[in-house]
PDB file of N, CA and C in Angstrom:
ATOM      1  N   MET A   1     -50.491  35.081  79.062  1.00  0.00           N
ATOM      2  CA  MET A   1     -49.742  36.200  78.509  1.00  0.00           C
ATOM      3  C   MET A   1     -48.839  36.765  79.582  1.00  0.00           C
ATOM      4  N   SER A   2     -47.608  37.043  79.227  1.00  0.00           N
ATOM      5  CA  SER A   2     -46.718  37.696  80.161  1.00  0.00           C
ATOM      6  C   SER A   2     -47.064  39.182  80.218  1.00  0.00           C
ATOM      7  N   THR A   3     -46.617  39.834  81.263  1.00  0.00           N
ATOM      8  CA  THR A   3     -46.872  41.255  81.422  1.00  0.00           C
ATOM      9  C   THR A   3     -46.133  42.041  80.342  1.00  0.00           C
ATOM     10  N   LYS A   4     -46.843  42.987  79.718  1.00  0.00           N
ATOM     11  CA  LYS A   4     -46.247  43.841  78.693  1.00  0.00           C
ATOM     12  C   LYS A   4     -46.564  45.289  79.023  1.00  0.00           C
ATOM     13  N   LYS A   5     -45.678  46.179  78.606  1.00  0.00           N
ATOM     14  CA  LYS A   5     -45.908  47.613  78.792  1.00  0.00           C
ATOM     15  C   LYS A   5     -46.406  48.205  77.486  1.00  0.00           C
ATOM     16  N   TYR A   6     -47.377  49.116  77.610  1.00  0.00           N
ATOM     17  CA  TYR A   6     -47.981  49.751  76.437  1.00  0.00           C
ATOM     18  C   TYR A   6     -48.032  51.259  76.609  1.00  0.00           C
ATOM     19  N   LEU A   7     -47.905  51.954  75.487  1.00  0.00           N
ATOM     20  CA  LEU A   7     -48.127  53.383  75.406  1.00  0.00           C
ATOM     21  C   LEU A   7     -49.460  53.576  74.697  1.00  0.00           C
ATOM     22  N   VAL A   8     -50.327  54.408  75.254  1.00  0.00           N
ATOM     23  CA  VAL A   8     -51.613  54.703  74.622  1.00  0.00           C
ATOM     24  C   VAL A   8     -51.361  55.650  73.452  1.00  0.00           C
ATOM     25  N   THR A   9     -51.693  55.209  72.241  1.00  0.00           N
ATOM     26  CA  THR A   9     -51.498  56.013  71.045  1.00  0.00           C
ATOM     27  C   THR A   9     -52.762  56.754  70.627  1.00  0.00           C
ATOM     28  N   ARG A  10     -53.905  56.322  71.182  1.00  0.00           N
ATOM     29  CA  ARG A  10     -55.187  56.974  70.908  1.00  0.00           C
ATOM     30  C   ARG A  10     -56.067  56.811  72.143  1.00  0.00           C
ATOM     31  N   SER A  11     -56.637  57.896  72.613  1.00  0.00           N
ATOM     32  CA  SER A  11     -57.491  57.866  73.806  1.00  0.00           C
ATOM     33  C   SER A  11     -58.676  56.929  73.605  1.00  0.00           C
ATOM     34  N   HIS A  12     -59.170  56.384  74.711  1.00  0.00           N
ATOM     35  CA  HIS A  12     -60.345  55.509  74.680  1.00  0.00           C
ATOM     36  C   HIS A  12     -61.214  55.823  75.884  1.00  0.00           C
ATOM     37  N   GLU A  13     -62.521  55.961  75.649  1.00  0.00           N
ATOM     38  CA  GLU A  13     -63.467  56.193  76.728  1.00  0.00           C
ATOM     39  C   GLU A  13     -64.603  55.181  76.607  1.00  0.00           C
ATOM     40  N   SER A  14     -64.905  54.520  77.705  1.00  0.00           N
ATOM     41  CA  SER A  14     -65.948  53.503  77.719  1.00  0.00           C
ATOM     42  C   SER A  14     -67.319  54.110  77.441  1.00  0.00           C
ATOM     43  N   GLU A  15     -68.120  53.373  76.687  1.00  0.00           N
ATOM     44  CA  GLU A  15     -69.506  53.766  76.429  1.00  0.00           C
ATOM     45  C   GLU A  15     -70.474  52.951  77.285  1.00  0.00           C
ATOM     46  N   PHE A  16     -69.921  52.133  78.187  1.00  0.00           N
ATOM     47  CA  PHE A  16     -70.738  51.229  78.992  1.00  0.00           C
ATOM     48  C   PHE A  16     -70.484  51.473  80.484  1.00  0.00           C
ATOM     49  N   PRO A  17     -71.304  52.319  81.132  1.00  0.00           N
ATOM     50  CA  PRO A  17     -71.076  52.652  82.543  1.00  0.00           C
ATOM     51  C   PRO A  17     -71.365  51.498  83.517  1.00  0.00           C
ATOM     52  N   SER A  18     -72.137  50.504  83.087  1.00  0.00           N
ATOM     53  CA  SER A  18     -72.482  49.365  83.953  1.00  0.00           C
ATOM     54  C   SER A  18     -72.096  48.069  83.247  1.00  0.00           C
ATOM     55  N   PRO A  19     -70.800  47.733  83.219  1.00  0.00           N
ATOM     56  CA  PRO A  19     -70.362  46.560  82.461  1.00  0.00           C
ATOM     57  C   PRO A  19     -70.842  45.246  83.075  1.00  0.00           C
ATOM     58  N   ILE A  20     -71.131  44.282  82.212  1.00  0.00           N
ATOM     59  CA  ILE A  20     -71.506  42.955  82.692  1.00  0.00           C
ATOM     60  C   ILE A  20     -70.318  42.380  83.475  1.00  0.00           C
ATOM     61  N   THR A  21     -70.622  41.773  84.609  1.00  0.00           N
ATOM     62  CA  THR A  21     -69.608  41.172  85.482  1.00  0.00           C
ATOM     63  C   THR A  21     -70.211  39.899  86.052  1.00  0.00           C
ATOM     64  N   PHE A  22     -69.441  38.802  86.003  1.00  0.00           N
ATOM     65  CA  PHE A  22     -69.968  37.548  86.548  1.00  0.00           C
ATOM     66  C   PHE A  22     -68.847  36.666  87.065  1.00  0.00           C
ATOM     67  N   GLN A  23     -69.248  35.611  87.751  1.00  0.00           N
ATOM     68  CA  GLN A  23     -68.327  34.650  88.360  1.00  0.00           C
ATOM     69  C   GLN A  23     -68.330  33.345  87.572  1.00  0.00           C
ATOM     70  N   LYS A  24     -67.246  32.631  87.682  1.00  0.00           N
ATOM     71  CA  LYS A  24     -67.152  31.301  87.082  1.00  0.00           C
ATOM     72  C   LYS A  24     -68.351  30.474  87.533  1.00  0.00           C
ATOM     73  N   GLY A  25     -69.004  29.811  86.591  1.00  0.00           N
ATOM     74  CA  GLY A  25     -70.155  28.967  86.897  1.00  0.00           C
ATOM     75  C   GLY A  25     -71.504  29.642  86.725  1.00  0.00           C
ATOM     76  N   ASP A  26     -71.538  30.971  86.634  1.00  0.00           N
ATOM     77  CA  ASP A  26     -72.808  31.676  86.443  1.00  0.00           C
ATOM     78  C   ASP A  26     -73.409  31.296  85.087  1.00  0.00           C
ATOM     79  N   PHE A  27     -74.738  31.201  85.039  1.00  0.00           N
ATOM     80  CA  PHE A  27     -75.422  30.903  83.791  1.00  0.00           C
ATOM     81  C   PHE A  27     -75.568  32.168  82.955  1.00  0.00           C
ATOM     82  N   LEU A  28     -75.414  32.002  81.642  1.00  0.00           N
ATOM     83  CA  LEU A  28     -75.457  33.114  80.702  1.00  0.00           C
ATOM     84  C   LEU A  28     -76.483  32.842  79.612  1.00  0.00           C
ATOM     85  N   THR A  29     -77.116  33.901  79.143  1.00  0.00           N
ATOM     86  CA  THR A  29     -77.904  33.845  77.922  1.00  0.00           C
ATOM     87  C   THR A  29     -77.027  34.454  76.840  1.00  0.00           C
ATOM     88  N   VAL A  30     -76.714  33.661  75.830  1.00  0.00           N
ATOM     89  CA  VAL A  30     -75.776  34.066  74.789  1.00  0.00           C
ATOM     90  C   VAL A  30     -76.552  34.548  73.571  1.00  0.00           C
ATOM     91  N   GLY A  31     -76.277  35.784  73.180  1.00  0.00           N
ATOM     92  CA  GLY A  31     -76.957  36.385  72.041  1.00  0.00           C
ATOM     93  C   GLY A  31     -76.067  36.469  70.820  1.00  0.00           C
ATOM     94  N   GLU A  32     -76.231  37.546  70.072  1.00  0.00           N
ATOM     95  CA  GLU A  32     -75.553  37.738  68.798  1.00  0.00           C
ATOM     96  C   GLU A  32     -74.032  37.813  68.941  1.00  0.00           C
ATOM     97  N   GLU A  33     -73.347  37.398  67.876  1.00  0.00           N
ATOM     98  CA  GLU A  33     -71.900  37.554  67.811  1.00  0.00           C
ATOM     99  C   GLU A  33     -71.601  38.927  67.216  1.00  0.00           C
ATOM    100  N   TYR A  34     -70.558  39.583  67.745  1.00  0.00           N
ATOM    101  CA  TYR A  34     -70.194  40.920  67.274  1.00  0.00           C
ATOM    102  C   TYR A  34     -69.792  40.884  65.807  1.00  0.00           C
ATOM    103  N   GLU A  35     -70.330  41.841  65.056  1.00  0.00           N
ATOM    104  CA  GLU A  35     -69.950  42.027  63.662  1.00  0.00           C
ATOM    105  C   GLU A  35     -69.678  43.503  63.464  1.00  0.00           C
ATOM    106  N   GLY A  36     -68.468  43.829  63.068  1.00  0.00           N
ATOM    107  CA  GLY A  36     -68.121  45.228  62.847  1.00  0.00           C
ATOM    108  C   GLY A  36     -66.840  45.339  62.052  1.00  0.00           C
ATOM    109  N   ALA A  37     -66.472  46.560  61.759  1.00  0.00           N
ATOM    110  CA  ALA A  37     -65.274  46.817  60.961  1.00  0.00           C
ATOM    111  C   ALA A  37     -63.992  46.449  61.712  1.00  0.00           C
ATOM    112  N   GLU A  38     -64.053  46.506  63.041  1.00  0.00           N
ATOM    113  CA  GLU A  38     -62.886  46.173  63.841  1.00  0.00           C
ATOM    114  C   GLU A  38     -62.607  44.672  63.758  1.00  0.00           C
ATOM    115  N   SER A  39     -61.424  44.274  64.092  1.00  0.00           N
ATOM    116  CA  SER A  39     -61.055  42.850  64.108  1.00  0.00           C
ATOM    117  C   SER A  39     -61.322  42.258  65.486  1.00  0.00           C
ATOM    118  N   TRP A  40     -62.537  42.419  65.971  1.00  0.00           N
ATOM    119  CA  TRP A  40     -62.900  41.921  67.291  1.00  0.00           C
ATOM    120  C   TRP A  40     -63.745  40.669  67.109  1.00  0.00           C
ATOM    121  N   ASP A  41     -63.105  39.567  66.764  1.00  0.00           N
ATOM    122  CA  ASP A  41     -63.801  38.310  66.543  1.00  0.00           C
ATOM    123  C   ASP A  41     -64.076  37.594  67.857  1.00  0.00           C
ATOM    124  N   ASN A  42     -65.099  36.743  67.842  1.00  0.00           N
ATOM    125  CA  ASN A  42     -65.420  35.862  68.948  1.00  0.00           C
ATOM    126  C   ASN A  42     -65.906  36.601  70.201  1.00  0.00           C
ATOM    127  N   TRP A  43     -66.686  37.669  70.017  1.00  0.00           N
ATOM    128  CA  TRP A  43     -67.349  38.372  71.116  1.00  0.00           C
ATOM    129  C   TRP A  43     -68.851  38.154  70.983  1.00  0.00           C
ATOM    130  N   PHE A  44     -69.518  37.862  72.103  1.00  0.00           N
ATOM    131  CA  PHE A  44     -70.957  37.589  72.103  1.00  0.00           C
ATOM    132  C   PHE A  44     -71.664  38.502  73.089  1.00  0.00           C
ATOM    133  N   PHE A  45     -72.850  38.973  72.702  1.00  0.00           N
ATOM    134  CA  PHE A  45     -73.655  39.830  73.571  1.00  0.00           C
ATOM    135  C   PHE A  45     -74.422  38.920  74.517  1.00  0.00           C
ATOM    136  N   CYS A  46     -74.069  38.977  75.796  1.00  0.00           N
ATOM    137  CA  CYS A  46     -74.622  38.049  76.798  1.00  0.00           C
ATOM    138  C   CYS A  46     -75.342  38.794  77.907  1.00  0.00           C
ATOM    139  N   SER A  47     -76.200  38.044  78.585  1.00  0.00           N
ATOM    140  CA  SER A  47     -76.847  38.571  79.785  1.00  0.00           C
ATOM    141  C   SER A  47     -76.816  37.496  80.858  1.00  0.00           C
ATOM    142  N   THR A  48     -76.913  37.947  82.097  1.00  0.00           N
ATOM    143  CA  THR A  48     -76.976  37.055  83.244  1.00  0.00           C
ATOM    144  C   THR A  48     -77.787  37.752  84.324  1.00  0.00           C
ATOM    145  N   SER A  49     -78.301  37.019  85.243  1.00  0.00           N
ATOM    146  CA  SER A  49     -79.189  37.546  86.272  1.00  0.00           C
ATOM    147  C   SER A  49     -78.554  38.714  87.037  1.00  0.00           C
ATOM    148  N   GLY A  50     -79.310  39.801  87.159  1.00  0.00           N
ATOM    149  CA  GLY A  50     -78.884  40.940  87.962  1.00  0.00           C
ATOM    150  C   GLY A  50     -77.857  41.849  87.312  1.00  0.00           C
ATOM    151  N   GLN A  51     -77.592  41.677  86.022  1.00  0.00           N
ATOM    152  CA  GLN A  51     -76.566  42.465  85.330  1.00  0.00           C
ATOM    153  C   GLN A  51     -77.147  43.099  84.067  1.00  0.00           C
ATOM    154  N   GLU A  52     -76.559  44.220  83.675  1.00  0.00           N
ATOM    155  CA  GLU A  52     -76.831  44.763  82.354  1.00  0.00           C
ATOM    156  C   GLU A  52     -76.171  43.818  81.353  1.00  0.00           C
ATOM    157  N   PRO A  53     -76.757  43.585  80.183  1.00  0.00           N
ATOM    158  CA  PRO A  53     -76.086  42.741  79.189  1.00  0.00           C
ATOM    159  C   PRO A  53     -74.822  43.414  78.678  1.00  0.00           C
ATOM    160  N   GLY A  54     -73.918  42.611  78.113  1.00  0.00           N
ATOM    161  CA  GLY A  54     -72.684  43.172  77.586  1.00  0.00           C
ATOM    162  C   GLY A  54     -71.925  42.170  76.746  1.00  0.00           C
ATOM    163  N   TRP A  55     -70.818  42.628  76.185  1.00  0.00           N
ATOM    164  CA  TRP A  55     -69.999  41.802  75.299  1.00  0.00           C
ATOM    165  C   TRP A  55     -69.046  40.939  76.102  1.00  0.00           C
ATOM    166  N   VAL A  56     -68.993  39.651  75.725  1.00  0.00           N
ATOM    167  CA  VAL A  56     -68.199  38.651  76.445  1.00  0.00           C
ATOM    168  C   VAL A  56     -67.380  37.860  75.423  1.00  0.00           C
ATOM    169  N   PRO A  57     -66.082  37.643  75.696  1.00  0.00           N
ATOM    170  CA  PRO A  57     -65.278  36.845  74.764  1.00  0.00           C
ATOM    171  C   PRO A  57     -65.713  35.382  74.789  1.00  0.00           C
ATOM    172  N   GLY A  58     -65.758  34.774  73.616  1.00  0.00           N
ATOM    173  CA  GLY A  58     -66.192  33.384  73.504  1.00  0.00           C
ATOM    174  C   GLY A  58     -65.370  32.416  74.339  1.00  0.00           C
ATOM    175  N   GLN A  59     -64.107  32.764  74.635  1.00  0.00           N
ATOM    176  CA  GLN A  59     -63.241  31.878  75.406  1.00  0.00           C
ATOM    177  C   GLN A  59     -63.723  31.657  76.844  1.00  0.00           C
ATOM    178  N   VAL A  60     -64.577  32.523  77.371  1.00  0.00           N
ATOM    179  CA  VAL A  60     -65.049  32.351  78.750  1.00  0.00           C
ATOM    180  C   VAL A  60     -66.478  31.815  78.808  1.00  0.00           C
ATOM    181  N   ILE A  61     -66.998  31.342  77.663  1.00  0.00           N
ATOM    182  CA  ILE A  61     -68.371  30.831  77.611  1.00  0.00           C
ATOM    183  C   ILE A  61     -68.363  29.340  77.275  1.00  0.00           C
ATOM    184  N   GLU A  62     -69.009  28.551  78.120  1.00  0.00           N
ATOM    185  CA  GLU A  62     -69.285  27.152  77.797  1.00  0.00           C
ATOM    186  C   GLU A  62     -70.684  27.129  77.195  1.00  0.00           C
ATOM    187  N   ARG A  63     -70.782  26.747  75.930  1.00  0.00           N
ATOM    188  CA  ARG A  63     -72.070  26.758  75.229  1.00  0.00           C
ATOM    189  C   ARG A  63     -72.793  25.435  75.421  1.00  0.00           C
ATOM    190  N   PHE A  64     -74.102  25.503  75.701  1.00  0.00           N
ATOM    191  CA  PHE A  64     -74.927  24.309  75.862  1.00  0.00           C
ATOM    192  C   PHE A  64     -75.802  24.069  74.650  1.00  0.00           C
ATOM    193  N   GLY A  65     -75.737  24.926  73.677  1.00  0.00           N
ATOM    194  CA  GLY A  65     -76.642  24.850  72.535  1.00  0.00           C
ATOM    195  C   GLY A  65     -77.674  25.951  72.640  1.00  0.00           C
ATOM    196  N   GLY A  66     -78.131  26.423  71.511  1.00  0.00           N
ATOM    197  CA  GLY A  66     -79.079  27.537  71.515  1.00  0.00           C
ATOM    198  C   GLY A  66     -78.451  28.754  72.154  1.00  0.00           C
ATOM    199  N   SER A  67     -79.177  29.381  73.043  1.00  0.00           N
ATOM    200  CA  SER A  67     -78.676  30.600  73.687  1.00  0.00           C
ATOM    201  C   SER A  67     -78.222  30.369  75.125  1.00  0.00           C
ATOM    202  N   SER A  68     -78.093  29.117  75.541  1.00  0.00           N
ATOM    203  CA  SER A  68     -77.698  28.815  76.916  1.00  0.00           C
ATOM    204  C   SER A  68     -76.194  28.617  77.039  1.00  0.00           C
ATOM    205  N   GLY A  69     -75.645  29.100  78.153  1.00  0.00           N
ATOM    206  CA  GLY A  69     -74.223  28.921  78.413  1.00  0.00           C
ATOM    207  C   GLY A  69     -73.898  29.113  79.879  1.00  0.00           C
ATOM    208  N   ARG A  70     -72.634  28.877  80.197  1.00  0.00           N
ATOM    209  CA  ARG A  70     -72.156  29.040  81.570  1.00  0.00           C
ATOM    210  C   ARG A  70     -70.759  29.663  81.505  1.00  0.00           C
ATOM    211  N   ALA A  71     -70.435  30.485  82.497  1.00  0.00           N
ATOM    212  CA  ALA A  71     -69.134  31.142  82.560  1.00  0.00           C
ATOM    213  C   ALA A  71     -68.042  30.144  82.937  1.00  0.00           C
ATOM    214  N   LEU A  72     -66.995  30.099  82.115  1.00  0.00           N
ATOM    215  CA  LEU A  72     -65.845  29.236  82.403  1.00  0.00           C
ATOM    216  C   LEU A  72     -64.836  29.913  83.320  1.00  0.00           C
ATOM    217  N   ASP A  73     -65.000  31.210  83.545  1.00  0.00           N
ATOM    218  CA  ASP A  73     -64.057  31.977  84.355  1.00  0.00           C
ATOM    219  C   ASP A  73     -64.753  33.235  84.874  1.00  0.00           C
ATOM    220  N   ASP A  74     -64.186  33.864  85.891  1.00  0.00           N
ATOM    221  CA  ASP A  74     -64.661  35.171  86.325  1.00  0.00           C
ATOM    222  C   ASP A  74     -64.396  36.156  85.197  1.00  0.00           C
ATOM    223  N   TYR A  75     -65.285  37.143  85.030  1.00  0.00           N
ATOM    224  CA  TYR A  75     -65.110  38.093  83.944  1.00  0.00           C
ATOM    225  C   TYR A  75     -65.826  39.403  84.247  1.00  0.00           C
ATOM    226  N   THR A  76     -65.234  40.493  83.807  1.00  0.00           N
ATOM    227  CA  THR A  76     -65.907  41.787  83.780  1.00  0.00           C
ATOM    228  C   THR A  76     -65.605  42.451  82.446  1.00  0.00           C
ATOM    229  N   ALA A  77     -66.590  43.128  81.892  1.00  0.00           N
ATOM    230  CA  ALA A  77     -66.415  43.848  80.629  1.00  0.00           C
ATOM    231  C   ALA A  77     -65.986  45.293  80.869  1.00  0.00           C
ATOM    232  N   ARG A  78     -65.515  45.596  82.078  1.00  0.00           N
ATOM    233  CA  ARG A  78     -65.103  46.964  82.402  1.00  0.00           C
ATOM    234  C   ARG A  78     -64.004  47.439  81.447  1.00  0.00           C
ATOM    235  N   GLU A  79     -64.247  48.572  80.812  1.00  0.00           N
ATOM    236  CA  GLU A  79     -63.262  49.186  79.937  1.00  0.00           C
ATOM    237  C   GLU A  79     -62.519  50.267  80.712  1.00  0.00           C
ATOM    238  N   LEU A  80     -61.267  50.447  80.373  1.00  0.00           N
ATOM    239  CA  LEU A  80     -60.424  51.440  81.041  1.00  0.00           C
ATOM    240  C   LEU A  80     -60.394  52.717  80.202  1.00  0.00           C
ATOM    241  N   ASN A  81     -60.762  53.827  80.805  1.00  0.00           N
ATOM    242  CA  ASN A  81     -60.659  55.114  80.134  1.00  0.00           C
ATOM    243  C   ASN A  81     -59.197  55.542  80.161  1.00  0.00           C
ATOM    244  N   VAL A  82     -58.646  55.812  78.980  1.00  0.00           N
ATOM    245  CA  VAL A  82     -57.231  56.172  78.878  1.00  0.00           C
ATOM    246  C   VAL A  82     -57.054  57.369  77.959  1.00  0.00           C
ATOM    247  N   LEU A  83     -55.959  58.089  78.188  1.00  0.00           N
ATOM    248  CA  LEU A  83     -55.619  59.245  77.376  1.00  0.00           C
ATOM    249  C   LEU A  83     -54.339  58.970  76.599  1.00  0.00           C
ATOM    250  N   GLU A  84     -54.247  59.525  75.419  1.00  0.00           N
ATOM    251  CA  GLU A  84     -53.045  59.388  74.612  1.00  0.00           C
ATOM    252  C   GLU A  84     -51.825  59.789  75.439  1.00  0.00           C
ATOM    253  N   GLY A  85     -50.778  58.967  75.385  1.00  0.00           N
ATOM    254  CA  GLY A  85     -49.537  59.239  76.100  1.00  0.00           C
ATOM    255  C   GLY A  85     -49.407  58.523  77.430  1.00  0.00           C
ATOM    256  N   GLU A  86     -50.503  57.958  77.950  1.00  0.00           N
ATOM    257  CA  GLU A  86     -50.421  57.235  79.226  1.00  0.00           C
ATOM    258  C   GLU A  86     -49.661  55.924  79.041  1.00  0.00           C
ATOM    259  N   LEU A  87     -48.986  55.479  80.108  1.00  0.00           N
ATOM    260  CA  LEU A  87     -48.313  54.193  80.120  1.00  0.00           C
ATOM    261  C   LEU A  87     -49.166  53.197  80.882  1.00  0.00           C
ATOM    262  N   LEU A  88     -49.318  51.986  80.312  1.00  0.00           N
ATOM    263  CA  LEU A  88     -50.137  50.941  80.900  1.00  0.00           C
ATOM    264  C   LEU A  88     -49.344  49.651  81.000  1.00  0.00           C
ATOM    265  N   VAL A  89     -49.795  48.767  81.884  1.00  0.00           N
ATOM    266  CA  VAL A  89     -49.254  47.416  81.970  1.00  0.00           C
ATOM    267  C   VAL A  89     -50.369  46.467  81.569  1.00  0.00           C
ATOM    268  N   GLY A  90     -50.130  45.666  80.534  1.00  0.00           N
ATOM    269  CA  GLY A  90     -51.119  44.709  80.051  1.00  0.00           C
ATOM    270  C   GLY A  90     -50.819  43.321  80.566  1.00  0.00           C
ATOM    271  N   THR A  91     -51.852  42.616  81.011  1.00  0.00           N
ATOM    272  CA  THR A  91     -51.654  41.273  81.578  1.00  0.00           C
ATOM    273  C   THR A  91     -52.389  40.170  80.830  1.00  0.00           C
ATOM    274  N   LYS A  92     -53.357  40.533  79.981  1.00  0.00           N
ATOM    275  CA  LYS A  92     -54.134  39.517  79.268  1.00  0.00           C
ATOM    276  C   LYS A  92     -54.657  40.119  77.977  1.00  0.00           C
ATOM    277  N   SER A  93     -54.588  39.354  76.897  1.00  0.00           N
ATOM    278  CA  SER A  93     -55.079  39.815  75.609  1.00  0.00           C
ATOM    279  C   SER A  93     -56.128  38.841  75.093  1.00  0.00           C
ATOM    280  N   LEU A  94     -57.291  39.375  74.691  1.00  0.00           N
ATOM    281  CA  LEU A  94     -58.373  38.556  74.145  1.00  0.00           C
ATOM    282  C   LEU A  94     -59.043  39.279  72.987  1.00  0.00           C
ATOM    283  N   ASN A  95     -59.011  38.682  71.824  1.00  0.00           N
ATOM    284  CA  ASN A  95     -59.842  39.104  70.701  1.00  0.00           C
ATOM    285  C   ASN A  95     -59.762  40.597  70.385  1.00  0.00           C
ATOM    286  N   GLY A  96     -58.547  41.148  70.337  1.00  0.00           N
ATOM    287  CA  GLY A  96     -58.372  42.539  69.970  1.00  0.00           C
ATOM    288  C   GLY A  96     -58.426  43.529  71.119  1.00  0.00           C
ATOM    289  N   TRP A  97     -58.492  43.047  72.360  1.00  0.00           N
ATOM    290  CA  TRP A  97     -58.514  43.893  73.548  1.00  0.00           C
ATOM    291  C   TRP A  97     -57.452  43.400  74.528  1.00  0.00           C
ATOM    292  N   VAL A  98     -56.937  44.322  75.355  1.00  0.00           N
ATOM    293  CA  VAL A  98     -55.921  43.983  76.349  1.00  0.00           C
ATOM    294  C   VAL A  98     -56.407  44.446  77.719  1.00  0.00           C
ATOM    295  N   TRP A  99     -56.294  43.551  78.731  1.00  0.00           N
ATOM    296  CA  TRP A  99     -56.601  43.928  80.110  1.00  0.00           C
ATOM    297  C   TRP A  99     -55.396  44.696  80.631  1.00  0.00           C
ATOM    298  N   CYS A 100     -55.599  45.958  80.998  1.00  0.00           N
ATOM    299  CA  CYS A 100     -54.499  46.834  81.386  1.00  0.00           C
ATOM    300  C   CYS A 100     -54.723  47.463  82.751  1.00  0.00           C
ATOM    301  N   GLU A 101     -53.614  47.820  83.370  1.00  0.00           N
ATOM    302  CA  GLU A 101     -53.610  48.613  84.598  1.00  0.00           C
ATOM    303  C   GLU A 101     -52.823  49.874  84.316  1.00  0.00           C
ATOM    304  N   LYS A 102     -53.281  50.981  84.893  1.00  0.00           N
ATOM    305  CA  LYS A 102     -52.544  52.228  84.743  1.00  0.00           C
ATOM    306  C   LYS A 102     -51.303  52.188  85.622  1.00  0.00           C
ATOM    307  N   SER A 103     -50.214  52.713  85.116  1.00  0.00           N
ATOM    308  CA  SER A 103     -48.967  52.743  85.883  1.00  0.00           C
ATOM    309  C   SER A 103     -49.067  53.697  87.068  1.00  0.00           C
ATOM    310  N   ALA A 104     -49.810  54.783  86.907  1.00  0.00           N
ATOM    311  CA  ALA A 104     -49.863  55.832  87.919  1.00  0.00           C
ATOM    312  C   ALA A 104     -50.889  55.591  89.033  1.00  0.00           C
ATOM    313  N   CYS A 105     -51.837  54.666  88.840  1.00  0.00           N
ATOM    314  CA  CYS A 105     -52.879  54.438  89.845  1.00  0.00           C
ATOM    315  C   CYS A 105     -53.432  53.018  89.680  1.00  0.00           C
ATOM    316  N   PRO A 106     -54.245  52.541  90.623  1.00  0.00           N
ATOM    317  CA  PRO A 106     -54.703  51.141  90.579  1.00  0.00           C
ATOM    318  C   PRO A 106     -55.896  50.846  89.664  1.00  0.00           C
ATOM    319  N   GLU A 107     -56.236  51.731  88.732  1.00  0.00           N
ATOM    320  CA  GLU A 107     -57.365  51.467  87.831  1.00  0.00           C
ATOM    321  C   GLU A 107     -56.997  50.403  86.806  1.00  0.00           C
ATOM    322  N   SER A 108     -57.996  49.560  86.445  1.00  0.00           N
ATOM    323  CA  SER A 108     -57.757  48.522  85.450  1.00  0.00           C
ATOM    324  C   SER A 108     -59.013  48.293  84.616  1.00  0.00           C
ATOM    325  N   GLY A 109     -58.811  47.730  83.416  1.00  0.00           N
ATOM    326  CA  GLY A 109     -59.922  47.425  82.529  1.00  0.00           C
ATOM    327  C   GLY A 109     -59.412  47.109  81.135  1.00  0.00           C
ATOM    328  N   TRP A 110     -60.349  46.837  80.220  1.00  0.00           N
ATOM    329  CA  TRP A 110     -60.030  46.479  78.840  1.00  0.00           C
ATOM    330  C   TRP A 110     -59.789  47.728  77.996  1.00  0.00           C
ATOM    331  N   VAL A 111     -58.783  47.648  77.110  1.00  0.00           N
ATOM    332  CA  VAL A 111     -58.453  48.719  76.172  1.00  0.00           C
ATOM    333  C   VAL A 111     -58.277  48.076  74.796  1.00  0.00           C
ATOM    334  N   PRO A 112     -58.815  48.696  73.733  1.00  0.00           N
ATOM    335  CA  PRO A 112     -58.600  48.120  72.399  1.00  0.00           C
ATOM    336  C   PRO A 112     -57.100  48.083  72.059  1.00  0.00           C
ATOM    337  N   LEU A 113     -56.642  46.943  71.581  1.00  0.00           N
ATOM    338  CA  LEU A 113     -55.234  46.778  71.221  1.00  0.00           C
ATOM    339  C   LEU A 113     -54.812  47.794  70.162  1.00  0.00           C
ATOM    340  N   GLU A 114     -55.733  48.151  69.265  1.00  0.00           N
ATOM    341  CA  GLU A 114     -55.405  49.103  68.201  1.00  0.00           C
ATOM    342  C   GLU A 114     -55.082  50.504  68.739  1.00  0.00           C
ATOM    343  N   ASN A 115     -55.402  50.778  70.006  1.00  0.00           N
ATOM    344  CA  ASN A 115     -55.110  52.071  70.628  1.00  0.00           C
ATOM    345  C   ASN A 115     -53.785  52.049  71.385  1.00  0.00           C
ATOM    346  N   LEU A 116     -53.061  50.929  71.322  1.00  0.00           N
ATOM    347  CA  LEU A 116     -51.853  50.747  72.121  1.00  0.00           C
ATOM    348  C   LEU A 116     -50.646  50.427  71.248  1.00  0.00           C
ATOM    349  N   LYS A 117     -49.483  50.766  71.768  1.00  0.00           N
ATOM    350  CA  LYS A 117     -48.218  50.388  71.133  1.00  0.00           C
ATOM    351  C   LYS A 117     -47.353  49.768  72.229  1.00  0.00           C
ATOM    352  N   GLU A 118     -46.891  48.543  71.983  1.00  0.00           N
ATOM    353  CA  GLU A 118     -46.034  47.881  72.958  1.00  0.00           C
ATOM    354  C   GLU A 118     -44.698  48.611  73.027  1.00  0.00           C
ATOM    355  N   VAL A 119     -44.213  48.829  74.242  1.00  0.00           N
ATOM    356  CA  VAL A 119     -42.929  49.497  74.445  1.00  0.00           C
ATOM    357  C   VAL A 119     -42.003  48.576  75.233  1.00  0.00           C
ATOM    358  N   SER A 120     -40.714  48.701  74.972  1.00  0.00           N
ATOM    359  CA  SER A 120     -39.734  47.907  75.714  1.00  0.00           C
ATOM    360  C   SER A 120     -39.289  48.691  76.930  1.00  0.00           C
ATOM    361  N   GLU A 121     -38.620  48.010  77.822  1.00  0.00           N
ATOM    362  CA  GLU A 121     -38.143  48.651  79.057  1.00  0.00           C
ATOM    363  C   GLU A 121     -37.395  49.859  78.670  1.00  0.00           C
TER     364      GLU A 121
END
């Protein structure tokens, strides 16, 4: 994904203070797939050694069958707390979420796409 600029149209605050974070190659226990009213398809509740469990996009999981898997890439489920009206730079989009950085400071994390509006220069 190329870099895009976004305006926050609805504030978002993370409910997960200790997001799952892992490195490429780490082994994962893959649990339930997310089911909800949102259009957040292909998210799985995973755990790995030394981490709180959390939601992981299916694109970064190599499945071995059953509940076993391995990370195909480095990943963190860190969500970015944002306020309506903030400007963000998005660098990656996965399954209804965008990895964003704040324009005013070096904070970064996932923000629901439904809370953002793409803006042109």
